[in-house]
Amino acid sequence: MTAADHPPPVREGVRLASDAPLARSALAVAVAGVVFGFCFLPQLLGLALGGISLAREPSGRRHAALAIALSVLLTVAWGIALGALLKWWASNAA
């Protein structure tokens, strides 16, 4: 085998984006949920991609778990905020 057949050595602790693309995508979508979370689509995508990443990508478990936790946290936070807004609107509409 020639040197071209072997990938270059990766330093300890350095991960490439190609190691766990689903986990990194899930984390990016979950972070986007901070801004666009009121429509709940980023949270659903973060949960779905995080779950798929946990099942398929062992090197991306930390990012996938972080994406799932962030998605759940943002879903609860946006639900409380929208519920409070609806309650305020209902009390002032009458």
N, C-alpha and C. Protein backbone atom coordinates (compact mmCIF):
# COMPACT_ATOMS: atom_id res chain seq x y z
N MET A 1 0.84 -1.18 0.00
CA MET A 1 0.00 0.00 0.00
C MET A 1 0.89 1.24 0.00
N THR A 2 0.42 2.23 -0.69
CA THR A 2 1.19 3.47 -0.76
C THR A 2 0.70 4.45 0.30
N ALA A 3 1.41 5.54 0.43
CA ALA A 3 1.04 6.55 1.41
C ALA A 3 -0.30 7.19 1.07
N ALA A 4 -0.67 7.21 -0.20
CA ALA A 4 -1.95 7.80 -0.61
C ALA A 4 -3.14 6.96 -0.15
N ASP A 5 -2.91 5.68 0.16
CA ASP A 5 -4.01 4.82 0.60
C ASP A 5 -4.36 5.03 2.06
N HIS A 6 -3.49 5.64 2.81
CA HIS A 6 -3.72 5.85 4.24
C HIS A 6 -4.10 7.31 4.49
N PRO A 7 -5.13 7.54 5.32
CA PRO A 7 -5.48 8.93 5.62
C PRO A 7 -4.39 9.55 6.49
N PRO A 8 -4.26 10.87 6.44
CA PRO A 8 -3.27 11.51 7.28
C PRO A 8 -3.64 11.35 8.75
N PRO A 9 -2.66 11.26 9.63
CA PRO A 9 -2.97 11.09 11.06
C PRO A 9 -3.67 12.33 11.62
N VAL A 10 -4.61 12.08 12.48
CA VAL A 10 -5.35 13.16 13.12
C VAL A 10 -4.84 13.27 14.54
N ARG A 11 -4.57 14.49 14.96
CA ARG A 11 -4.07 14.70 16.31
C ARG A 11 -5.12 14.27 17.33
N GLU A 12 -4.68 13.88 18.48
CA GLU A 12 -5.57 13.43 19.55
C GLU A 12 -6.47 14.60 19.97
N GLY A 13 -7.76 14.36 20.04
CA GLY A 13 -8.71 15.37 20.48
C GLY A 13 -9.23 16.26 19.37
N VAL A 14 -8.71 16.15 18.17
CA VAL A 14 -9.17 16.97 17.05
C VAL A 14 -10.13 16.14 16.22
N ARG A 15 -11.33 16.66 16.03
CA ARG A 15 -12.33 15.95 15.23
C ARG A 15 -12.66 16.79 14.02
N LEU A 16 -12.86 16.12 12.93
CA LEU A 16 -13.25 16.80 11.72
C LEU A 16 -14.76 16.87 11.63
N ALA A 17 -15.27 17.82 10.86
CA ALA A 17 -16.71 17.94 10.69
C ALA A 17 -17.29 16.71 10.00
N SER A 18 -16.46 16.00 9.25
CA SER A 18 -16.96 14.82 8.56
C SER A 18 -17.12 13.63 9.49
N ASP A 19 -16.59 13.72 10.73
CA ASP A 19 -16.73 12.62 11.69
C ASP A 19 -18.18 12.41 12.10
N ALA A 20 -18.92 13.48 12.29
CA ALA A 20 -20.30 13.38 12.74
C ALA A 20 -21.13 14.51 12.13
N PRO A 21 -21.42 14.45 10.85
CA PRO A 21 -22.15 15.56 10.23
C PRO A 21 -23.58 15.72 10.74
N LEU A 22 -24.25 14.63 11.08
CA LEU A 22 -25.61 14.75 11.60
C LEU A 22 -25.63 15.43 12.95
N ALA A 23 -24.67 15.09 13.80
CA ALA A 23 -24.62 15.70 15.13
C ALA A 23 -24.35 17.19 15.02
N ARG A 24 -23.46 17.57 14.14
CA ARG A 24 -23.16 19.00 13.97
C ARG A 24 -24.35 19.73 13.35
N SER A 25 -25.05 19.09 12.44
CA SER A 25 -26.25 19.69 11.87
C SER A 25 -27.34 19.85 12.92
N ALA A 26 -27.51 18.84 13.76
CA ALA A 26 -28.51 18.91 14.82
C ALA A 26 -28.19 20.05 15.77
N LEU A 27 -26.93 20.23 16.11
CA LEU A 27 -26.55 21.30 17.00
C LEU A 27 -26.78 22.67 16.35
N ALA A 28 -26.47 22.79 15.08
CA ALA A 28 -26.69 24.06 14.37
C ALA A 28 -28.18 24.40 14.30
N VAL A 29 -29.00 23.40 14.04
CA VAL A 29 -30.45 23.64 13.96
C VAL A 29 -31.00 23.98 15.35
N ALA A 30 -30.50 23.33 16.39
CA ALA A 30 -30.97 23.62 17.74
C ALA A 30 -30.60 25.04 18.16
N VAL A 31 -29.42 25.48 17.78
CA VAL A 31 -29.02 26.86 18.08
C VAL A 31 -29.87 27.85 17.29
N ALA A 32 -30.23 27.51 16.07
CA ALA A 32 -31.11 28.38 15.28
C ALA A 32 -32.48 28.49 15.93
N GLY A 33 -32.84 27.52 16.75
CA GLY A 33 -34.12 27.56 17.45
C GLY A 33 -34.22 28.70 18.44
N VAL A 34 -33.09 29.26 18.85
CA VAL A 34 -33.11 30.41 19.75
C VAL A 34 -33.82 31.58 19.08
N VAL A 35 -33.56 31.77 17.80
CA VAL A 35 -34.14 32.89 17.06
C VAL A 35 -35.49 32.52 16.47
N PHE A 36 -35.58 31.36 15.84
CA PHE A 36 -36.79 30.97 15.12
C PHE A 36 -37.61 29.93 15.88
N GLY A 37 -37.45 29.86 17.17
CA GLY A 37 -38.09 28.81 17.96
C GLY A 37 -39.57 28.93 18.12
N PHE A 38 -40.13 30.11 17.89
CA PHE A 38 -41.57 30.29 18.08
C PHE A 38 -42.38 29.46 17.11
N CYS A 39 -41.78 29.00 16.00
CA CYS A 39 -42.52 28.16 15.06
C CYS A 39 -42.28 26.67 15.33
N PHE A 40 -41.43 26.34 16.27
CA PHE A 40 -41.15 24.99 16.76
C PHE A 40 -40.53 24.06 15.72
N LEU A 41 -40.33 24.51 14.50
CA LEU A 41 -39.69 23.66 13.49
C LEU A 41 -38.22 23.39 13.80
N PRO A 42 -37.43 24.38 14.23
CA PRO A 42 -36.03 24.07 14.56
C PRO A 42 -35.89 23.05 15.69
N GLN A 43 -36.79 23.12 16.67
CA GLN A 43 -36.71 22.15 17.77
C GLN A 43 -37.02 20.74 17.28
N LEU A 44 -38.01 20.61 16.42
CA LEU A 44 -38.34 19.29 15.89
C LEU A 44 -37.20 18.74 15.04
N LEU A 45 -36.59 19.60 14.22
CA LEU A 45 -35.44 19.15 13.43
C LEU A 45 -34.25 18.80 14.31
N GLY A 46 -34.02 19.59 15.35
CA GLY A 46 -32.93 19.30 16.27
C GLY A 46 -33.13 17.97 16.98
N LEU A 47 -34.35 17.70 17.40
CA LEU A 47 -34.65 16.42 18.05
C LEU A 47 -34.49 15.25 17.08
N ALA A 48 -35.00 15.42 15.87
CA ALA A 48 -34.92 14.33 14.88
C ALA A 48 -33.47 14.05 14.48
N LEU A 49 -32.73 15.10 14.13
CA LEU A 49 -31.34 14.89 13.73
C LEU A 49 -30.49 14.40 14.89
N GLY A 50 -30.76 14.88 16.08
CA GLY A 50 -30.02 14.41 17.25
C GLY A 50 -30.28 12.93 17.53
N GLY A 51 -31.53 12.51 17.40
CA GLY A 51 -31.86 11.10 17.60
C GLY A 51 -31.23 10.20 16.55
N ILE A 52 -31.26 10.63 15.31
CA ILE A 52 -30.63 9.84 14.24
C ILE A 52 -29.12 9.78 14.45
N SER A 53 -28.55 10.90 14.86
CA SER A 53 -27.11 10.94 15.09
C SER A 53 -26.70 10.04 16.25
N LEU A 54 -27.50 10.00 17.31
CA LEU A 54 -27.18 9.10 18.42
C LEU A 54 -27.15 7.65 17.98
N ALA A 55 -28.03 7.31 17.06
CA ALA A 55 -28.10 5.93 16.60
C ALA A 55 -27.01 5.57 15.60
N ARG A 56 -26.56 6.53 14.81
CA ARG A 56 -25.65 6.21 13.70
C ARG A 56 -24.22 6.69 13.87
N GLU A 57 -23.99 7.70 14.67
CA GLU A 57 -22.66 8.31 14.74
C GLU A 57 -22.12 8.26 16.17
N PRO A 58 -21.32 7.26 16.48
CA PRO A 58 -20.80 7.17 17.85
C PRO A 58 -19.85 8.31 18.21
N SER A 59 -19.20 8.92 17.23
CA SER A 59 -18.27 9.99 17.55
C SER A 59 -18.97 11.32 17.79
N GLY A 60 -20.24 11.40 17.50
CA GLY A 60 -20.97 12.65 17.67
C GLY A 60 -21.97 12.63 18.80
N ARG A 61 -21.79 11.75 19.75
CA ARG A 61 -22.77 11.61 20.84
C ARG A 61 -22.90 12.88 21.69
N ARG A 62 -21.79 13.53 21.98
CA ARG A 62 -21.85 14.72 22.83
C ARG A 62 -22.62 15.84 22.12
N HIS A 63 -22.35 16.05 20.85
CA HIS A 63 -23.06 17.10 20.10
C HIS A 63 -24.53 16.74 19.93
N ALA A 64 -24.82 15.49 19.69
CA ALA A 64 -26.22 15.07 19.52
C ALA A 64 -26.99 15.23 20.83
N ALA A 65 -26.39 14.85 21.94
CA ALA A 65 -27.06 15.00 23.23
C ALA A 65 -27.26 16.47 23.57
N LEU A 66 -26.28 17.30 23.25
CA LEU A 66 -26.42 18.73 23.48
C LEU A 66 -27.53 19.32 22.62
N ALA A 67 -27.64 18.87 21.37
CA ALA A 67 -28.70 19.35 20.48
C ALA A 67 -30.07 18.94 21.00
N ILE A 68 -30.19 17.72 21.48
CA ILE A 68 -31.47 17.24 22.01
C ILE A 68 -31.85 18.03 23.26
N ALA A 69 -30.89 18.22 24.17
CA ALA A 69 -31.17 18.97 25.39
C ALA A 69 -31.55 20.41 25.09
N LEU A 70 -30.84 21.04 24.16
CA LEU A 70 -31.13 22.42 23.78
C LEU A 70 -32.50 22.52 23.11
N SER A 71 -32.85 21.55 22.29
CA SER A 71 -34.16 21.55 21.62
C SER A 71 -35.29 21.42 22.63
N VAL A 72 -35.13 20.52 23.59
CA VAL A 72 -36.17 20.34 24.61
C VAL A 72 -36.29 21.59 25.47
N LEU A 73 -35.15 22.15 25.88
CA LEU A 73 -35.16 23.35 26.70
C LEU A 73 -35.83 24.52 25.97
N LEU A 74 -35.50 24.70 24.70
CA LEU A 74 -36.10 25.79 23.94
C LEU A 74 -37.58 25.56 23.68
N THR A 75 -37.99 24.32 23.50
CA THR A 75 -39.40 24.03 23.31
C THR A 75 -40.19 24.42 24.55
N VAL A 76 -39.68 24.07 25.71
CA VAL A 76 -40.35 24.43 26.97
C VAL A 76 -40.35 25.94 27.16
N ALA A 77 -39.22 26.59 26.92
CA ALA A 77 -39.12 28.04 27.11
C ALA A 77 -40.06 28.79 26.17
N TRP A 78 -40.06 28.43 24.89
CA TRP A 78 -40.95 29.10 23.94
C TRP A 78 -42.42 28.78 24.26
N GLY A 79 -42.71 27.57 24.71
CA GLY A 79 -44.08 27.24 25.08
C GLY A 79 -44.58 28.09 26.24
N ILE A 80 -43.72 28.30 27.24
CA ILE A 80 -44.09 29.16 28.37
C ILE A 80 -44.26 30.60 27.92
N ALA A 81 -43.33 31.08 27.09
CA ALA A 81 -43.42 32.47 26.61
C ALA A 81 -44.67 32.69 25.77
N LEU A 82 -44.97 31.79 24.86
CA LEU A 82 -46.17 31.94 24.04
C LEU A 82 -47.44 31.77 24.85
N GLY A 83 -47.42 30.88 25.84
CA GLY A 83 -48.57 30.73 26.73
C GLY A 83 -48.83 31.99 27.54
N ALA A 84 -47.76 32.62 28.05
CA ALA A 84 -47.91 33.87 28.80
C ALA A 84 -48.42 34.98 27.89
N LEU A 85 -47.93 35.02 26.66
CA LEU A 85 -48.41 36.03 25.71
C LEU A 85 -49.89 35.81 25.40
N LEU A 86 -50.30 34.59 25.21
CA LEU A 86 -51.70 34.29 24.93
C LEU A 86 -52.58 34.64 26.13
N LYS A 87 -52.11 34.35 27.34
CA LYS A 87 -52.86 34.67 28.53
C LYS A 87 -53.01 36.19 28.68
N TRP A 88 -51.94 36.92 28.43
CA TRP A 88 -51.98 38.38 28.50
C TRP A 88 -52.96 38.93 27.45
N TRP A 89 -52.87 38.40 26.24
CA TRP A 89 -53.74 38.85 25.17
C TRP A 89 -55.20 38.57 25.47
N ALA A 90 -55.49 37.40 26.02
CA ALA A 90 -56.88 37.02 26.35
C ALA A 90 -57.43 37.90 27.47
N SER A 91 -56.60 38.25 28.44
CA SER A 91 -57.09 39.07 29.55
C SER A 91 -57.28 40.53 29.14
N ASN A 92 -56.54 41.01 28.16
CA ASN A 92 -56.68 42.39 27.71
C ASN A 92 -57.67 42.55 26.58
N ALA A 93 -58.10 41.47 25.96
CA ALA A 93 -59.03 41.56 24.84
C ALA A 93 -60.45 41.83 25.29
N ALA A 94 -60.78 41.49 26.53
CA ALA A 94 -62.16 41.63 26.98
C ALA A 94 -62.47 42.99 27.50
